C-alpha atoms as a PDB file:
ATOM      1  CA  MET A   1     -32.974  69.903 -16.078  1.00  0.00           C
ATOM      2  CA  SER A   2     -33.695  66.211 -15.732  1.00  0.00           C
ATOM      3  CA  LYS A   3     -34.444  66.048 -19.473  1.00  0.00           C
ATOM      4  CA  GLN A   4     -31.032  67.546 -20.257  1.00  0.00           C
ATOM      5  CA  ILE A   5     -29.358  65.053 -17.935  1.00  0.00           C
ATOM      6  CA  GLY A   6     -31.207  62.214 -19.684  1.00  0.00           C
ATOM      7  CA  ILE A   7     -30.103  63.444 -23.113  1.00  0.00           C
ATOM      8  CA  LEU A   8     -26.489  63.753 -21.917  1.00  0.00           C
ATOM      9  CA  HIS A   9     -26.702  60.258 -20.438  1.00  0.00           C
ATOM     10  CA  SER A  10     -27.860  58.865 -23.803  1.00  0.00           C
ATOM     11  CA  VAL A  11     -25.211  60.772 -25.785  1.00  0.00           C
ATOM     12  CA  VAL A  12     -22.438  59.510 -23.512  1.00  0.00           C
ATOM     13  CA  THR A  13     -23.713  55.934 -23.780  1.00  0.00           C
ATOM     14  CA  VAL A  14     -23.934  56.066 -27.581  1.00  0.00           C
ATOM     15  CA  ALA A  15     -20.453  57.614 -27.820  1.00  0.00           C
ATOM     16  CA  ALA A  16     -19.051  54.887 -25.555  1.00  0.00           C
ATOM     17  CA  ALA A  17     -20.752  52.185 -27.658  1.00  0.00           C
ATOM     18  CA  VAL A  18     -19.269  53.600 -30.879  1.00  0.00           C
ATOM     19  CA  ALA A  19     -15.829  53.812 -29.252  1.00  0.00           C
ATOM     20  CA  PHE A  20     -16.191  50.237 -28.017  1.00  0.00           C
ATOM     21  CA  ILE A  21     -16.977  48.924 -31.500  1.00  0.00           C
ATOM     22  CA  GLY A  22     -14.081  50.898 -32.972  1.00  0.00           C
ATOM     23  CA  THR A  23     -11.476  49.867 -30.389  1.00  0.00           C
ATOM     24  CA  TRP A  24     -12.512  46.212 -30.443  1.00  0.00           C
ATOM     25  CA  SER A  25     -12.456  46.158 -34.257  1.00  0.00           C
ATOM     26  CA  SER A  26      -8.942  47.607 -34.206  1.00  0.00           C
ATOM     27  CA  GLY A  27      -7.788  44.322 -32.687  1.00  0.00           C
ATOM     28  CA  PHE A  28      -8.402  42.734 -36.090  1.00  0.00           C
ATOM     29  CA  ILE A  29      -7.362  45.598 -38.363  1.00  0.00           C
ATOM     30  CA  ILE A  30      -4.026  46.568 -36.778  1.00  0.00           C
ATOM     31  CA  PRO A  31      -2.527  43.040 -36.963  1.00  0.00           C
ATOM     32  CA  ALA A  32      -3.485  42.866 -40.655  1.00  0.00           C
ATOM     33  CA  TYR A  33      -1.185  45.839 -41.263  1.00  0.00           C
ATOM     34  CA  ALA A  34       1.550  44.942 -38.802  1.00  0.00           C
ATOM     35  CA  THR A  35       2.015  41.247 -39.658  1.00  0.00           C
ATOM     36  CA  VAL A  36       2.682  41.725 -43.378  1.00  0.00           C
ATOM     37  CA  ASP A  37       6.467  41.664 -42.893  1.00  0.00           C
ATOM     38  CA  VAL A  38       6.635  40.577 -39.254  1.00  0.00           C
ATOM     39  CA  SER A  39       5.775  37.294 -37.568  1.00  0.00           C
ATOM     40  CA  PRO A  40       2.479  37.439 -35.650  1.00  0.00           C
ATOM     41  CA  LEU A  41       4.337  36.023 -32.633  1.00  0.00           C
ATOM     42  CA  THR A  42       6.767  38.950 -32.660  1.00  0.00           C
ATOM     43  CA  LEU A  43       3.945  41.478 -32.554  1.00  0.00           C
ATOM     44  CA  LEU A  44       2.077  39.526 -29.905  1.00  0.00           C
ATOM     45  CA  VAL A  45       5.024  39.102 -27.570  1.00  0.00           C
ATOM     46  CA  TRP A  46       5.850  42.805 -27.644  1.00  0.00           C
ATOM     47  CA  ARG A  47       2.200  43.685 -27.256  1.00  0.00           C
ATOM     48  CA  PHE A  48       1.831  41.640 -24.072  1.00  0.00           C
ATOM     49  CA  VAL A  49       5.216  41.686 -22.304  1.00  0.00           C
ATOM     50  CA  PRO A  50       5.510  45.465 -21.690  1.00  0.00           C
ATOM     51  CA  LEU A  51       1.813  45.608 -20.811  1.00  0.00           C
ATOM     52  CA  ALA A  52       2.243  42.787 -18.290  1.00  0.00           C
ATOM     53  CA  VAL A  53       5.107  44.673 -16.619  1.00  0.00           C
ATOM     54  CA  VAL A  54       3.002  47.837 -16.374  1.00  0.00           C
ATOM     55  CA  LEU A  55      -0.049  46.012 -15.019  1.00  0.00           C
ATOM     56  CA  LEU A  56       2.014  44.103 -12.447  1.00  0.00           C
ATOM     57  CA  ALA A  57       3.516  47.386 -11.237  1.00  0.00           C
ATOM     58  CA  VAL A  58       0.079  49.018 -10.978  1.00  0.00           C
ATOM     59  CA  LEU A  59      -1.298  45.992  -9.151  1.00  0.00           C
ATOM     60  CA  ARG A  60       1.580  46.113  -6.674  1.00  0.00           C
ATOM     61  CA  LEU A  61       1.227  49.869  -6.069  1.00  0.00           C
ATOM     62  CA  THR A  62      -2.542  49.667  -5.561  1.00  0.00           C
ATOM     63  CA  GLY A  63      -2.331  46.681  -3.228  1.00  0.00           C
ATOM     64  CA  GLY A  64      -4.608  44.642  -5.468  1.00  0.00           C
ATOM     65  CA  VAL A  65      -2.906  41.376  -4.530  1.00  0.00           C
ATOM     66  CA  THR A  66      -3.986  41.644  -0.890  1.00  0.00           C
ATOM     67  CA  GLY A  67      -6.139  38.698   0.127  1.00  0.00           C
ATOM     68  CA  LEU A  68      -5.701  36.966  -3.218  1.00  0.00           C
ATOM     69  CA  SER A  69      -5.547  33.182  -2.869  1.00  0.00           C
ATOM     70  CA  ALA A  70      -3.390  30.803  -4.884  1.00  0.00           C
ATOM     71  CA  ARG A  71      -6.564  29.036  -6.015  1.00  0.00           C
ATOM     72  CA  ASP A  72      -7.984  32.253  -7.472  1.00  0.00           C
ATOM     73  CA  LEU A  73      -4.744  32.895  -9.338  1.00  0.00           C
ATOM     74  CA  ARG A  74      -4.607  29.347 -10.726  1.00  0.00           C
ATOM     75  CA  THR A  75      -8.198  29.563 -11.927  1.00  0.00           C
ATOM     76  CA  GLN A  76      -7.713  32.941 -13.594  1.00  0.00           C
ATOM     77  CA  ALA A  77      -4.429  31.778 -15.116  1.00  0.00           C
ATOM     78  CA  THR A  78      -6.211  28.775 -16.661  1.00  0.00           C
ATOM     79  CA  ILE A  79      -8.993  30.971 -18.043  1.00  0.00           C
ATOM     80  CA  GLY A  80      -6.394  33.400 -19.401  1.00  0.00           C
ATOM     81  CA  LEU A  81      -4.554  30.532 -21.085  1.00  0.00           C
ATOM     82  CA  PHE A  82      -7.567  30.038 -23.341  1.00  0.00           C
ATOM     83  CA  ALA A  83      -9.275  33.443 -23.394  1.00  0.00           C
ATOM     84  CA  GLN A  84      -6.156  35.530 -24.017  1.00  0.00           C
ATOM     85  CA  PHE A  85      -3.269  33.346 -25.169  1.00  0.00           C
ATOM     86  CA  GLY A  86      -5.127  30.790 -27.272  1.00  0.00           C
ATOM     87  CA  TYR A  87      -7.545  33.325 -28.667  1.00  0.00           C
ATOM     88  CA  CYS A  88      -4.959  35.948 -29.642  1.00  0.00           C
ATOM     89  CA  VAL A  89      -2.499  33.482 -31.190  1.00  0.00           C
ATOM     90  CA  ALA A  90      -5.254  31.961 -33.336  1.00  0.00           C
ATOM     91  CA  VAL A  91      -6.672  35.361 -34.399  1.00  0.00           C
ATOM     92  CA  TYR A  92      -3.259  36.774 -35.321  1.00  0.00           C
ATOM     93  CA  GLY A  93      -2.416  33.591 -37.186  1.00  0.00           C
ATOM     94  CA  ALA A  94      -5.670  33.802 -39.150  1.00  0.00           C
ATOM     95  CA  VAL A  95      -5.143  37.457 -40.078  1.00  0.00           C
ATOM     96  CA  ALA A  96      -1.514  36.838 -41.023  1.00  0.00           C
ATOM     97  CA  ALA A  97      -2.615  33.913 -43.221  1.00  0.00           C
ATOM     98  CA  GLY A  98      -4.703  36.311 -45.280  1.00  0.00           C
ATOM     99  CA  ILE A  99      -8.223  35.639 -44.011  1.00  0.00           C
ATOM    100  CA  ALA A 100     -10.376  38.762 -44.274  1.00  0.00           C
ATOM    101  CA  THR A 101     -10.552  40.622 -40.964  1.00  0.00           C
ATOM    102  CA  GLY A 102     -14.350  40.791 -41.147  1.00  0.00           C
ATOM    103  CA  THR A 103     -14.553  37.005 -41.471  1.00  0.00           C
ATOM    104  CA  VAL A 104     -12.341  36.503 -38.419  1.00  0.00           C
ATOM    105  CA  ALA A 105     -14.417  39.029 -36.459  1.00  0.00           C
ATOM    106  CA  LEU A 106     -17.658  37.372 -37.551  1.00  0.00           C
ATOM    107  CA  ILE A 107     -16.628  33.926 -36.352  1.00  0.00           C
ATOM    108  CA  ASP A 108     -15.618  35.590 -33.090  1.00  0.00           C
ATOM    109  CA  ALA A 109     -19.010  37.357 -32.892  1.00  0.00           C
ATOM    110  CA  VAL A 110     -21.073  34.155 -33.023  1.00  0.00           C
ATOM    111  CA  GLN A 111     -19.235  32.752 -30.006  1.00  0.00           C
ATOM    112  CA  PRO A 112     -22.002  33.897 -27.625  1.00  0.00           C
ATOM    113  CA  LEU A 113     -24.521  31.902 -29.672  1.00  0.00           C
ATOM    114  CA  VAL A 114     -22.468  28.727 -29.299  1.00  0.00           C
ATOM    115  CA  VAL A 115     -21.997  29.339 -25.569  1.00  0.00           C
ATOM    116  CA  ALA A 116     -25.739  29.948 -25.124  1.00  0.00           C
ATOM    117  CA  VAL A 117     -26.359  26.440 -26.447  1.00  0.00           C
ATOM    118  CA  LEU A 118     -23.406  24.675 -24.802  1.00  0.00           C
ATOM    119  CA  VAL A 119     -24.192  25.901 -21.290  1.00  0.00           C
ATOM    120  CA  GLY A 120     -27.168  23.542 -21.343  1.00  0.00           C
ATOM    121  CA  PRO A 121     -25.459  20.162 -21.609  1.00  0.00           C
ATOM    122  CA  VAL A 122     -22.233  21.334 -19.916  1.00  0.00           C
ATOM    123  CA  LEU A 123     -23.743  23.189 -16.948  1.00  0.00           C
ATOM    124  CA  GLY A 124     -27.054  21.361 -16.758  1.00  0.00           C
ATOM    125  CA  LEU A 125     -29.172  24.388 -17.694  1.00  0.00           C
ATOM    126  CA  ARG A 126     -32.240  24.510 -19.905  1.00  0.00           C
ATOM    127  CA  VAL A 127     -31.615  25.705 -23.477  1.00  0.00           C
ATOM    128  CA  ARG A 128     -34.562  27.071 -25.426  1.00  0.00           C
ATOM    129  CA  GLY A 129     -35.510  25.984 -28.902  1.00  0.00           C
ATOM    130  CA  ALA A 130     -35.060  29.575 -30.059  1.00  0.00           C
ATOM    131  CA  GLN A 131     -31.430  29.448 -28.964  1.00  0.00           C
ATOM    132  CA  TRP A 132     -30.838  26.331 -31.055  1.00  0.00           C
ATOM    133  CA  ALA A 133     -32.567  28.027 -33.993  1.00  0.00           C
ATOM    134  CA  GLY A 134     -30.424  31.151 -33.565  1.00  0.00           C
ATOM    135  CA  LEU A 135     -27.283  29.035 -33.536  1.00  0.00           C
ATOM    136  CA  VAL A 136     -28.253  27.258 -36.755  1.00  0.00           C
ATOM    137  CA  ILE A 137     -29.125  30.534 -38.520  1.00  0.00           C
ATOM    138  CA  GLY A 138     -25.885  32.130 -37.351  1.00  0.00           C
ATOM    139  CA  ALA A 139     -23.878  29.089 -38.470  1.00  0.00           C
ATOM    140  CA  VAL A 140     -25.389  29.300 -41.959  1.00  0.00           C
ATOM    141  CA  GLY A 141     -24.428  32.976 -42.049  1.00  0.00           C
ATOM    142  CA  VAL A 142     -20.845  32.151 -41.110  1.00  0.00           C
ATOM    143  CA  LEU A 143     -20.664  29.475 -43.804  1.00  0.00           C
ATOM    144  CA  LEU A 144     -21.903  31.966 -46.406  1.00  0.00           C
ATOM    145  CA  VAL A 145     -19.314  34.570 -45.405  1.00  0.00           C
ATOM    146  CA  VAL A 146     -16.480  32.019 -45.375  1.00  0.00           C
ATOM    147  CA  ARG A 147     -17.624  30.663 -48.745  1.00  0.00           C
ATOM    148  CA  SER A 148     -17.611  34.180 -50.201  1.00  0.00           C
ATOM    149  CA  GLN A 149     -13.935  34.480 -49.255  1.00  0.00           C
ATOM    150  CA  PHE A 150     -12.781  31.406 -51.145  1.00  0.00           C
ATOM    151  CA  GLY A 151     -11.136  32.390 -54.394  1.00  0.00           C
ATOM    152  CA  SER A 152     -10.728  36.019 -53.332  1.00  0.00           C
ATOM    153  CA  SER A 153      -8.404  35.319 -50.410  1.00  0.00           C
ATOM    154  CA  GLU A 154      -4.796  34.146 -50.434  1.00  0.00           C
ATOM    155  CA  ALA A 155      -5.388  32.090 -47.309  1.00  0.00           C
ATOM    156  CA  PRO A 156      -5.331  28.293 -47.756  1.00  0.00           C
ATOM    157  CA  PRO A 157      -8.597  26.519 -46.835  1.00  0.00           C
ATOM    158  CA  ALA A 158      -6.990  24.985 -43.737  1.00  0.00           C
ATOM    159  CA  ALA A 159      -6.296  28.487 -42.384  1.00  0.00           C
ATOM    160  CA  TYR A 160     -10.026  28.978 -41.863  1.00  0.00           C
ATOM    161  CA  LEU A 161      -9.724  26.563 -38.951  1.00  0.00           C
ATOM    162  CA  LEU A 162      -7.777  29.227 -37.029  1.00  0.00           C
ATOM    163  CA  PRO A 163     -10.767  31.534 -36.357  1.00  0.00           C
ATOM    164  CA  ALA A 164     -12.667  28.431 -35.251  1.00  0.00           C
ATOM    165  CA  VAL A 165      -9.794  27.601 -32.880  1.00  0.00           C
ATOM    166  CA  ALA A 166      -9.950  31.168 -31.522  1.00  0.00           C
ATOM    167  CA  MET A 167     -13.680  30.842 -30.928  1.00  0.00           C
ATOM    168  CA  THR A 168     -13.194  27.453 -29.285  1.00  0.00           C
ATOM    169  CA  CYS A 169     -10.636  28.944 -26.896  1.00  0.00           C
ATOM    170  CA  LEU A 170     -13.117  31.653 -25.941  1.00  0.00           C
ATOM    171  CA  ILE A 171     -15.828  29.081 -25.381  1.00  0.00           C
ATOM    172  CA  ILE A 172     -13.590  26.971 -23.148  1.00  0.00           C
ATOM    173  CA  GLY A 173     -12.591  30.065 -21.193  1.00  0.00           C
ATOM    174  CA  THR A 174     -16.244  31.059 -20.854  1.00  0.00           C
ATOM    175  CA  LEU A 175     -17.320  27.663 -19.570  1.00  0.00           C
ATOM    176  CA  LEU A 176     -14.394  27.540 -17.137  1.00  0.00           C
ATOM    177  CA  GLN A 177     -15.405  30.944 -15.830  1.00  0.00           C
ATOM    178  CA  ARG A 178     -19.049  29.867 -15.520  1.00  0.00           C
ATOM    179  CA  ARG A 179     -18.127  26.743 -13.551  1.00  0.00           C
ATOM    180  CA  SER A 180     -15.763  28.521 -11.172  1.00  0.00           C
ATOM    181  CA  ALA A 181     -16.719  30.456  -8.058  1.00  0.00           C
ATOM    182  CA  VAL A 182     -13.672  32.713  -8.285  1.00  0.00           C
ATOM    183  CA  GLN A 183     -14.326  36.403  -7.717  1.00  0.00           C
ATOM    184  CA  THR A 184     -11.474  38.758  -8.545  1.00  0.00           C
ATOM    185  CA  GLY A 185     -11.417  42.420  -9.535  1.00  0.00           C
ATOM    186  CA  VAL A 186     -11.016  43.540 -13.115  1.00  0.00           C
ATOM    187  CA  LEU A 187      -7.411  44.702 -12.582  1.00  0.00           C
ATOM    188  CA  VAL A 188      -6.357  41.410 -10.982  1.00  0.00           C
ATOM    189  CA  THR A 189      -8.069  39.366 -13.676  1.00  0.00           C
ATOM    190  CA  LEU A 190      -6.632  41.362 -16.561  1.00  0.00           C
ATOM    191  CA  THR A 191      -3.145  41.354 -15.022  1.00  0.00           C
ATOM    192  CA  THR A 192      -3.239  37.590 -14.525  1.00  0.00           C
ATOM    193  CA  HIS A 193      -4.425  36.885 -18.050  1.00  0.00           C
ATOM    194  CA  VAL A 194      -1.944  39.263 -19.664  1.00  0.00           C
ATOM    195  CA  THR A 195       0.965  37.971 -17.568  1.00  0.00           C
ATOM    196  CA  VAL A 196       0.268  34.307 -18.360  1.00  0.00           C
ATOM    197  CA  THR A 197      -0.005  35.169 -22.049  1.00  0.00           C
ATOM    198  CA  ALA A 198       3.211  37.217 -21.965  1.00  0.00           C
ATOM    199  CA  VAL A 199       5.216  34.421 -20.319  1.00  0.00           C
ATOM    200  CA  LEU A 200       4.020  31.789 -22.803  1.00  0.00           C
ATOM    201  CA  LEU A 201       4.660  34.074 -25.766  1.00  0.00           C
ATOM    202  CA  LEU A 202       8.168  34.852 -24.508  1.00  0.00           C
ATOM    203  CA  VAL A 203       9.030  31.154 -24.337  1.00  0.00           C
ATOM    204  CA  ILE A 204       7.546  30.326 -27.761  1.00  0.00           C
ATOM    205  CA  ALA A 205       9.107  33.371 -29.439  1.00  0.00           C
ATOM    206  CA  ALA A 206      12.513  32.530 -27.978  1.00  0.00           C
ATOM    207  CA  VAL A 207      12.312  28.916 -29.169  1.00  0.00           C
ATOM    208  CA  THR A 208      11.086  29.835 -32.657  1.00  0.00           C
ATOM    209  CA  GLY A 209      13.542  32.718 -33.125  1.00  0.00           C
ATOM    210  CA  THR A 210      10.815  35.366 -33.432  1.00  0.00           C
ATOM    211  CA  LEU A 211      11.636  37.294 -30.262  1.00  0.00           C
ATOM    212  CA  ILE A 212      13.833  40.036 -31.765  1.00  0.00           C
ATOM    213  CA  PRO A 213      11.625  42.943 -32.880  1.00  0.00           C
ATOM    214  CA  PRO A 214      12.302  45.021 -35.991  1.00  0.00           C
ATOM    215  CA  ALA A 215      13.580  48.551 -35.506  1.00  0.00           C
ATOM    216  CA  SER A 216      10.891  50.131 -37.665  1.00  0.00           C
ATOM    217  CA  ALA A 217       8.751  52.866 -36.171  1.00  0.00           C
ATOM    218  CA  SER A 218       5.626  51.322 -37.725  1.00  0.00           C
ATOM    219  CA  PHE A 219       6.132  48.122 -35.732  1.00  0.00           C
ATOM    220  CA  TRP A 220       6.403  49.931 -32.409  1.00  0.00           C
ATOM    221  CA  LEU A 221       3.421  52.074 -33.313  1.00  0.00           C
ATOM    222  CA  ALA A 222       1.433  48.871 -33.893  1.00  0.00           C
ATOM    223  CA  VAL A 223       2.643  47.524 -30.537  1.00  0.00           C
ATOM    224  CA  VAL A 224       1.431  50.628 -28.706  1.00  0.00           C
ATOM    225  CA  LEU A 225      -1.869  50.712 -30.579  1.00  0.00           C
ATOM    226  CA  THR A 226      -2.676  47.043 -29.918  1.00  0.00           C
ATOM    227  CA  ALA A 227      -1.813  47.410 -26.241  1.00  0.00           C
ATOM    228  CA  VAL A 228      -3.859  50.583 -25.747  1.00  0.00           C
ATOM    229  CA  PHE A 229      -6.942  50.100 -27.938  1.00  0.00           C
ATOM    230  CA  PRO A 230      -8.027  46.427 -28.246  1.00  0.00           C
ATOM    231  CA  THR A 231      -6.581  45.496 -24.839  1.00  0.00           C
ATOM    232  CA  LEU A 232      -7.072  48.385 -22.408  1.00  0.00           C
ATOM    233  CA  ALA A 233      -9.624  50.719 -24.038  1.00  0.00           C
ATOM    234  CA  ALA A 234     -11.974  48.063 -25.416  1.00  0.00           C
ATOM    235  CA  TYR A 235     -11.713  46.089 -22.171  1.00  0.00           C
ATOM    236  CA  GLY A 236     -12.531  49.118 -20.002  1.00  0.00           C
ATOM    237  CA  LEU A 237     -15.426  50.177 -22.246  1.00  0.00           C
ATOM    238  CA  TYR A 238     -16.807  46.645 -22.152  1.00  0.00           C
ATOM    239  CA  TRP A 239     -17.142  46.731 -18.393  1.00  0.00           C
ATOM    240  CA  TRP A 240     -18.439  50.297 -18.320  1.00  0.00           C
ATOM    241  CA  LEU A 241     -21.113  49.452 -20.892  1.00  0.00           C
ATOM    242  CA  LEU A 242     -21.966  46.223 -19.098  1.00  0.00           C
ATOM    243  CA  ARG A 243     -23.018  48.279 -16.065  1.00  0.00           C
ATOM    244  CA  ARG A 244     -24.608  50.972 -18.240  1.00  0.00           C
ATOM    245  CA  VAL A 245     -26.730  49.023 -20.743  1.00  0.00           C
ATOM    246  CA  GLY A 246     -26.709  45.411 -19.515  1.00  0.00           C
ATOM    247  CA  ILE A 247     -25.501  42.133 -20.971  1.00  0.00           C
ATOM    248  CA  THR A 248     -28.205  41.728 -23.632  1.00  0.00           C
ATOM    249  CA  ALA A 249     -27.515  45.061 -25.348  1.00  0.00           C
ATOM    250  CA  LEU A 250     -23.795  44.472 -25.034  1.00  0.00           C
ATOM    251  CA  GLN A 251     -24.046  41.138 -26.870  1.00  0.00           C
ATOM    252  CA  ALA A 252     -25.748  42.988 -29.726  1.00  0.00           C
ATOM    253  CA  LEU A 253     -22.836  45.447 -29.815  1.00  0.00           C
ATOM    254  CA  LEU A 254     -20.417  42.523 -29.998  1.00  0.00           C
ATOM    255  CA  PHE A 255     -22.079  41.363 -33.180  1.00  0.00           C
ATOM    256  CA  LEU A 256     -21.889  44.876 -34.712  1.00  0.00           C
ATOM    257  CA  ILE A 257     -18.108  44.590 -34.454  1.00  0.00           C
ATOM    258  CA  ALA A 258     -18.093  42.045 -37.304  1.00  0.00           C
ATOM    259  CA  PRO A 259     -19.651  44.248 -40.044  1.00  0.00           C
ATOM    260  CA  ALA A 260     -17.715  47.262 -38.733  1.00  0.00           C
ATOM    261  CA  THR A 261     -14.468  45.317 -39.067  1.00  0.00           C
ATOM    262  CA  SER A 262     -15.479  44.091 -42.510  1.00  0.00           C
ATOM    263  CA  ALA A 263     -16.214  47.646 -43.658  1.00  0.00           C
ATOM    264  CA  ALA A 264     -12.899  48.902 -42.258  1.00  0.00           C
ATOM    265  CA  GLY A 265     -11.064  45.999 -43.915  1.00  0.00           C
ATOM    266  CA  SER A 266     -12.670  46.837 -47.232  1.00  0.00           C
ATOM    267  CA  ILE A 267     -11.723  50.531 -47.007  1.00  0.00           C
ATOM    268  CA  LEU A 268      -8.265  50.220 -45.465  1.00  0.00           C
ATOM    269  CA  LEU A 269      -7.090  46.836 -46.750  1.00  0.00           C
ATOM    270  CA  GLY A 270      -9.065  46.406 -49.973  1.00  0.00           C
ATOM    271  CA  GLU A 271     -10.783  43.257 -48.721  1.00  0.00           C
ATOM    272  CA  PRO A 272     -13.740  42.271 -50.931  1.00  0.00           C
ATOM    273  CA  ILE A 273     -17.365  42.521 -49.803  1.00  0.00           C
ATOM    274  CA  THR A 274     -19.815  40.616 -52.011  1.00  0.00           C
ATOM    275  CA  ILE A 275     -23.576  40.121 -51.938  1.00  0.00           C
ATOM    276  CA  VAL A 276     -22.989  36.680 -50.413  1.00  0.00           C
ATOM    277  CA  THR A 277     -20.872  38.289 -47.677  1.00  0.00           C
ATOM    278  CA  VAL A 278     -23.631  40.773 -46.867  1.00  0.00           C
ATOM    279  CA  ALA A 279     -26.222  37.972 -46.850  1.00  0.00           C
ATOM    280  CA  GLY A 280     -24.060  36.049 -44.393  1.00  0.00           C
ATOM    281  CA  PHE A 281     -23.842  39.047 -42.084  1.00  0.00           C
ATOM    282  CA  VAL A 282     -27.622  39.484 -42.246  1.00  0.00           C
ATOM    283  CA  LEU A 283     -28.221  35.834 -41.335  1.00  0.00           C
ATOM    284  CA  CYS A 284     -25.765  36.087 -38.432  1.00  0.00           C
ATOM    285  CA  GLY A 285     -27.552  39.222 -37.258  1.00  0.00           C
ATOM    286  CA  ILE A 286     -30.881  37.383 -37.357  1.00  0.00           C
ATOM    287  CA  GLY A 287     -29.366  34.506 -35.399  1.00  0.00           C
ATOM    288  CA  VAL A 288     -28.022  36.858 -32.725  1.00  0.00           C
ATOM    289  CA  ALA A 289     -31.363  38.701 -32.564  1.00  0.00           C
ATOM    290  CA  VAL A 290     -33.230  35.411 -32.083  1.00  0.00           C
ATOM    291  CA  VAL A 291     -31.005  34.416 -29.170  1.00  0.00           C
ATOM    292  CA  LEU A 292     -31.070  37.847 -27.526  1.00  0.00           C
ATOM    293  CA  THR A 293     -34.854  38.156 -27.903  1.00  0.00           C
ATOM    294  CA  SER A 294     -35.263  34.716 -26.379  1.00  0.00           C
ATOM    295  CA  GLU A 295     -33.061  35.668 -23.434  1.00  0.00           C
ATOM    296  CA  SER A 296     -34.975  38.886 -22.724  1.00  0.00           C
ATOM    297  CA  ARG A 297     -38.409  37.194 -22.807  1.00  0.00           C
ATOM    298  CA  PRO A 298     -40.143  37.130 -19.361  1.00  0.00           C
ATOM    299  CA  GLN A 299     -40.263  33.805 -17.631  1.00  0.00           C
ATOM    300  CA  GLY A 300     -40.730  32.227 -14.220  1.00  0.00           C
ATOM    301  CA  THR A 301     -38.396  32.681 -11.273  1.00  0.00           C
ATOM    302  CA  SER A 302     -36.637  29.363 -11.711  1.00  0.00           C
ATOM    303  CA  ALA A 303     -36.182  29.789 -15.436  1.00  0.00           C
ATOM    304  CA  ARG A 304     -35.054  33.354 -14.988  1.00  0.00           C
ATOM    305  CA  SER A 305     -32.387  32.160 -12.574  1.00  0.00           C
ATOM    306  CA  GLN A 306     -31.244  29.647 -15.183  1.00  0.00           C
ATOM    307  CA  GLU A 307     -31.154  32.334 -17.845  1.00  0.00           C
ATOM    308  CA  THR A 308     -28.890  34.511 -15.728  1.00  0.00           C
ATOM    309  CA  SER A 309     -26.462  31.651 -15.313  1.00  0.00           C
ATOM    310  CA  ALA A 310     -26.637  30.696 -18.970  1.00  0.00           C
ATOM    311  CA  ARG A 311     -26.046  34.084 -20.507  1.00  0.00           C
ATOM    312  CA  PRO A 312     -23.152  33.926 -22.965  1.00  0.00           C
ATOM    313  CA  ALA A 313     -19.970  35.828 -22.270  1.00  0.00           C
ATOM    314  CA  GLY A 314     -18.233  37.957 -24.854  1.00  0.00           C
ATOM    315  CA  LYS A 315     -14.532  38.174 -25.371  1.00  0.00           C
ATOM    316  CA  CYS A 316     -13.888  40.542 -22.482  1.00  0.00           C
ATOM    317  CA  ASP A 317     -16.403  38.759 -20.303  1.00  0.00           C
ATOM    318  CA  VAL A 318     -14.365  35.598 -20.682  1.00  0.00           C
ATOM    319  CA  ALA A 319     -11.207  37.395 -19.739  1.00  0.00           C
ATOM    320  CA  ALA A 320     -12.389  39.355 -16.768  1.00  0.00           C
ATOM    321  CA  HIS A 321     -15.743  38.345 -15.331  1.00  0.00           C
ATOM    322  CA  ASP A 322     -15.701  38.953 -11.591  1.00  0.00           C
ATOM    323  CA  ALA A 323     -17.164  35.584 -10.795  1.00  0.00           C
ATOM    324  CA  ARG A 324     -13.881  36.579 -17.126  1.00  0.00           C
END
């Protein structure tokens, strides 16, 4: 009986991991379809505003705001400004500019490597040589993938700065979260981040004249899909898997999102995959593996305490760690 329970446990975990990769990848694929004839801001504002209203209502009904301090809200709002608003605007802008979805996802995926190195000088923690090596290997992989896109993409070279901006926003959000002592529940954190993003998008869309949505059914389908899958489903699966498999395995899953997105972009959008692209993905995978192996290596009590504090946060971890 216990063997059957163990098998079921493994099957459920694997299924959740596959669903996580798929729902997170959809956050890159869906905008590539939906922003062909529509401004990225229009899709974003209608993705976040209705969701913010729903989350605020749920938070009010469940009494989640009880005991919440103004300081906690300000801290989470600041983290959300970078982790949700800055990140999403930059990603949507990159996809709308014509950058391959796999390339955008890849630059996003190496964010934990950068954080693993930056937590040293920023937070005063020890960074291993293997982490520096992993960062360098991963950076070379990113450069190869980006280089493989030149000439085959309609995006101007300057547009490739947008995924870097998205990654930078995530890194800032991660470091803010690491330095803060704020502890809020997942619902409160997500609601705060989504609401801040919705308000800012409303203002920008109104000023730029991109607030009015098209009447097409495909647009509203994209709105629903982006709200449900990359926001709610992927977010919920992230936290469920975090408790189920731990942070190290989850970071590996975050990297798998990049090749999965690239494969989906090739099949659904006709985005090119070359030998150089594959080589770049392999190098990034090696870089991630080096960092994760280094993190899981046994060490003394003091160092182990540092490692726990220095672990990189993924996209959802930035947005909703109980300590996003």
